[in-house]
Protein backbone atom coordinates (compact mmCIF):
# COMPACT_ATOMS: atom_id res chain seq x y z
CA MET A 1 -0.29 -0.09 0.12
CA PRO A 2 1.58 3.46 -0.62
CA PRO A 3 2.07 6.26 2.15
CA PRO A 4 -0.58 8.32 2.54
CA SER A 5 1.38 11.41 1.49
CA PHE A 6 1.39 9.85 -2.20
CA ARG A 7 -0.68 11.56 -4.79
CA PRO A 8 -0.59 10.31 -8.54
CA LYS A 9 0.06 13.34 -10.74
CA LYS A 10 -3.08 13.79 -13.46
CA LEU A 11 -1.86 15.01 -16.56
CA ASP A 12 -3.90 15.80 -19.75
CA LEU A 13 -0.65 16.28 -22.16
CA GLY A 14 -2.16 13.87 -24.44
CA CYS A 15 1.41 12.46 -25.32
CA PHE A 16 4.28 9.71 -24.08
CA VAL A 17 4.85 10.37 -20.36
CA ASN A 18 8.07 9.87 -18.65
CA ILE A 19 9.29 11.43 -15.81
CA ARG A 20 11.43 14.31 -17.19
CA VAL A 21 7.71 15.36 -19.25
CA ILE A 22 5.97 15.09 -15.88
CA ARG A 23 8.69 17.67 -14.57
CA ASP A 24 8.89 20.04 -17.23
CA ASP A 25 5.06 20.71 -17.03
CA ALA A 26 5.24 20.87 -13.24
CA LYS A 27 8.10 23.73 -14.09
CA ARG A 28 5.76 25.29 -16.63
CA GLN A 29 2.55 25.42 -14.23
CA ILE A 30 5.15 27.22 -11.25
CA PHE A 31 6.57 29.25 -13.24
CA GLU A 32 3.56 30.44 -14.75
CA LYS A 33 2.15 30.89 -11.64
CA HIS A 34 5.08 33.31 -10.00
CA GLU A 35 5.78 34.97 -13.46
CA ALA A 36 4.00 38.22 -12.69
CA GLU A 37 5.17 38.59 -9.35
CA ARG A 38 8.68 37.94 -11.01
CA GLN A 39 8.31 40.30 -13.32
CA ALA A 40 7.45 42.99 -10.28
CA LEU A 41 10.47 42.49 -8.48
CA ARG A 42 12.80 42.57 -11.08
CA HIS A 43 11.43 45.93 -11.90
CA ILE A 44 11.69 47.09 -8.33
CA ILE A 45 15.56 45.87 -8.27
CA ARG A 46 16.09 47.58 -11.43
CA ASN A 47 14.60 51.15 -11.04
CA THR A 48 17.56 52.90 -9.54
CA THR A 49 15.07 55.76 -8.43
CA LEU A 50 13.42 53.53 -5.60
CA PRO A 51 15.73 53.55 -2.10
CA GLN A 52 18.64 50.80 -1.62
CA ARG A 53 16.48 49.28 1.09
CA ALA A 54 13.37 48.58 -0.85
CA ARG A 55 15.48 47.22 -3.64
CA VAL A 56 17.59 44.95 -1.52
CA GLU A 57 14.52 43.73 -0.27
CA ALA A 58 13.22 43.03 -3.24
CA GLN A 59 16.62 41.18 -4.18
CA LEU A 60 16.03 38.85 -1.20
CA GLN A 61 12.55 37.83 -1.90
CA LEU A 62 13.51 37.07 -5.65
CA MET A 63 15.72 34.48 -4.21
CA GLN A 64 13.47 32.84 -2.11
CA MET A 65 11.12 32.23 -4.63
CA PRO A 66 10.82 28.53 -5.67
CA VAL A 67 14.04 27.44 -8.03
CA TYR A 68 11.36 26.40 -10.59
CA SER A 69 9.87 29.53 -11.23
CA ARG A 70 12.74 30.94 -12.86
CA PRO A 71 12.65 30.56 -16.60
CA THR A 72 15.94 29.54 -17.48
CA GLN A 73 14.78 25.96 -15.36
CA ILE A 74 12.18 25.49 -18.52
CA ARG A 75 13.62 23.16 -21.51
CA ASN A 76 11.87 22.54 -24.92
CA ARG A 77 10.86 18.98 -25.12
CA CYS A 78 9.05 16.71 -27.70
CA ILE A 79 5.15 15.93 -26.90
CA LEU A 80 5.97 12.46 -28.31
CA GLY A 81 9.20 11.50 -26.79
CA GLY A 82 9.81 13.73 -24.03
CA LYS A 83 13.33 14.10 -26.23
CA SER A 84 15.03 17.69 -25.29
CA ARG A 85 17.45 18.16 -27.94
CA GLY A 86 16.64 18.72 -31.55
CA ILE A 87 13.12 20.03 -31.15
CA LEU A 88 11.33 22.37 -33.56
CA ARG A 89 9.62 24.97 -31.36
CA ASP A 90 6.61 25.52 -34.12
CA PHE A 91 5.72 21.92 -33.86
CA LYS A 92 7.24 20.91 -29.93
CA MET A 93 8.81 18.06 -31.71
CA SER A 94 12.29 16.34 -32.21
CA ARG A 95 13.46 16.20 -35.56
CA PHE A 96 13.17 12.71 -36.12
CA ASN A 97 8.97 12.23 -35.02
CA PHE A 98 8.48 15.23 -37.03
CA ARG A 99 9.86 13.47 -40.17
CA MET A 100 7.54 10.64 -38.94
CA GLN A 101 4.37 12.46 -38.40
CA ALA A 102 5.04 14.84 -41.66
CA LEU A 103 5.78 11.58 -43.67
CA LEU A 104 2.30 9.66 -42.14
CA GLY A 105 0.46 12.64 -43.28
CA ASN A 106 -0.66 13.34 -39.48
CA LEU A 107 0.71 17.26 -39.40
CA PRO A 108 -1.89 19.63 -41.69
CA GLY A 109 -0.06 21.67 -44.25
CA VAL A 110 3.50 20.21 -43.97
CA LYS A 111 4.31 17.95 -47.12
CA LYS A 112 8.35 16.55 -48.01
CA ALA A 113 9.93 18.77 -50.71
CA SER A 114 10.70 17.63 -53.68
CA TRP A 115 12.54 19.27 -56.65
């Protein structure tokens, strides 16, 4: 029997799910939740007309925010395989999966170029 603190994650990603995809989805949700607050603190830190004390307090608050609220923590991943390299941004797929889906005709408006 699982421990009482165990809660299965409910994801409606519609794709192959491995631990990296789950972690990436969690990072994106946390980033979205804290984005406005993070931008406000960064604006306060950069505003030189404010008193130094207010700017330092904003820096401390920014440093105490969750690590996953940083935009650099987010990594583009393939929605089909979870791969992190060779991702086409427009389709959110790896090169290989993009090629396979295009050859099968599953991507509207995409066809094999021939000349």
